[in-house]
Amino acid sequence: MLLNGVILYPENNNDEYKDGITTSKKFWRRIKVKVRVKVRVVVVVKVRVKVMVRTMVKVRVKVRVKVRVVVRVKILLIRKVYYG
């Protein structure tokens, strides 16, 4: 059973509850897993150009690349006992 990120299990064990409340924790467990991933990629490129003029033109290029990857993973795991 996969319905919109809601996992309901098991399907066949309907005899394991008393007064609509399951006796064991393994039955009728409703798990909602929400995963939010925010990826921020910040690329900072610094280019330094030094031109030295001495009968020859020398171009010095210094490239600094800073890559910042910020990954935020939020896992919200909500367990509710599903009443039959």
Protein backbone atom coordinates (compact mmCIF):
# COMPACT_ATOMS: atom_id res chain seq x y z
CA MET A 1 0.00 0.00 0.00
CA LEU A 2 1.59 3.20 -1.16
CA LEU A 3 -0.82 6.09 -1.14
CA ASN A 4 0.67 9.55 -1.44
CA GLY A 5 3.67 8.77 0.71
CA VAL A 6 1.57 6.97 3.30
CA ILE A 7 2.62 3.42 4.00
CA LEU A 8 -0.06 1.24 5.53
CA TYR A 9 0.83 -2.28 6.55
CA PRO A 10 -0.11 -5.05 6.89
CA GLU A 11 -3.14 -5.57 4.71
CA ASN A 12 -4.31 -9.03 5.70
CA ASN A 13 -4.10 -8.95 9.49
CA ASN A 14 -7.47 -7.62 10.51
CA ASP A 15 -7.94 -9.87 13.53
CA GLU A 16 -5.21 -8.36 15.67
CA TYR A 17 -7.09 -5.47 17.22
CA LYS A 18 -9.24 -5.04 20.29
CA ASP A 19 -11.84 -2.27 20.40
CA GLY A 20 -10.26 -0.73 17.32
CA ILE A 21 -6.86 -0.45 18.99
CA THR A 22 -4.08 -2.79 17.93
CA THR A 23 -2.41 -4.81 20.64
CA SER A 24 0.98 -4.86 18.98
CA LYS A 25 2.98 -1.94 17.69
CA LYS A 26 3.90 -3.68 14.46
CA PHE A 27 0.38 -3.67 13.08
CA TRP A 28 -1.33 -0.75 11.44
CA ARG A 29 1.56 1.60 11.74
CA ARG A 30 1.18 4.73 9.69
CA ILE A 31 4.46 6.20 8.66
CA LYS A 32 4.72 9.50 6.88
CA VAL A 33 8.15 10.34 5.62
CA LYS A 34 8.66 13.81 4.30
CA VAL A 35 12.04 14.53 2.82
CA ARG A 36 12.83 18.10 2.01
CA VAL A 37 16.12 18.65 0.29
CA LYS A 38 17.32 22.16 -0.24
CA VAL A 39 20.48 22.39 -2.29
CA ARG A 40 22.17 25.72 -2.49
CA VAL A 41 25.17 25.97 -4.74
CA VAL A 42 27.15 29.13 -4.33
CA VAL A 43 29.96 29.55 -6.79
CA VAL A 44 32.35 32.35 -6.05
CA VAL A 45 34.81 32.99 -8.84
CA LYS A 46 37.57 35.47 -8.21
CA VAL A 47 39.68 36.33 -11.21
CA ARG A 48 42.84 38.28 -10.67
CA VAL A 49 44.56 39.52 -13.76
CA LYS A 50 48.03 40.97 -13.43
CA VAL A 51 49.50 42.46 -16.52
CA MET A 52 53.22 43.05 -16.36
CA VAL A 53 54.50 45.21 -19.13
CA ARG A 54 58.19 44.52 -19.75
CA THR A 55 58.87 44.37 -23.47
CA MET A 56 56.80 41.19 -23.17
CA VAL A 57 53.23 41.14 -22.02
CA LYS A 58 52.78 38.60 -19.32
CA VAL A 59 49.28 37.86 -18.25
CA ARG A 60 48.88 36.16 -14.94
CA VAL A 61 45.43 34.83 -14.27
CA LYS A 62 44.60 33.51 -10.87
CA VAL A 63 41.26 31.82 -10.67
CA ARG A 64 39.85 30.93 -7.31
CA VAL A 65 36.72 28.87 -7.37
CA LYS A 66 34.84 28.39 -4.16
CA VAL A 67 31.98 25.95 -4.36
CA ARG A 68 29.68 25.89 -1.41
CA VAL A 69 27.12 23.15 -1.41
CA VAL A 70 24.58 23.46 1.34
CA VAL A 71 22.38 20.43 1.61
CA ARG A 72 19.56 20.61 4.08
CA VAL A 73 17.73 17.37 4.57
CA LYS A 74 14.66 17.49 6.72
CA ILE A 75 13.18 14.11 7.47
CA LEU A 76 9.89 14.33 9.25
CA LEU A 77 8.87 10.91 10.38
CA ILE A 78 5.42 10.87 11.87
CA ARG A 79 4.16 7.64 13.37
CA LYS A 80 0.49 7.42 14.13
CA VAL A 81 -1.43 4.37 15.22
CA TYR A 82 -4.14 3.87 12.65
CA TYR A 83 -7.45 2.96 14.19
CA GLY A 84 -9.34 0.22 12.42
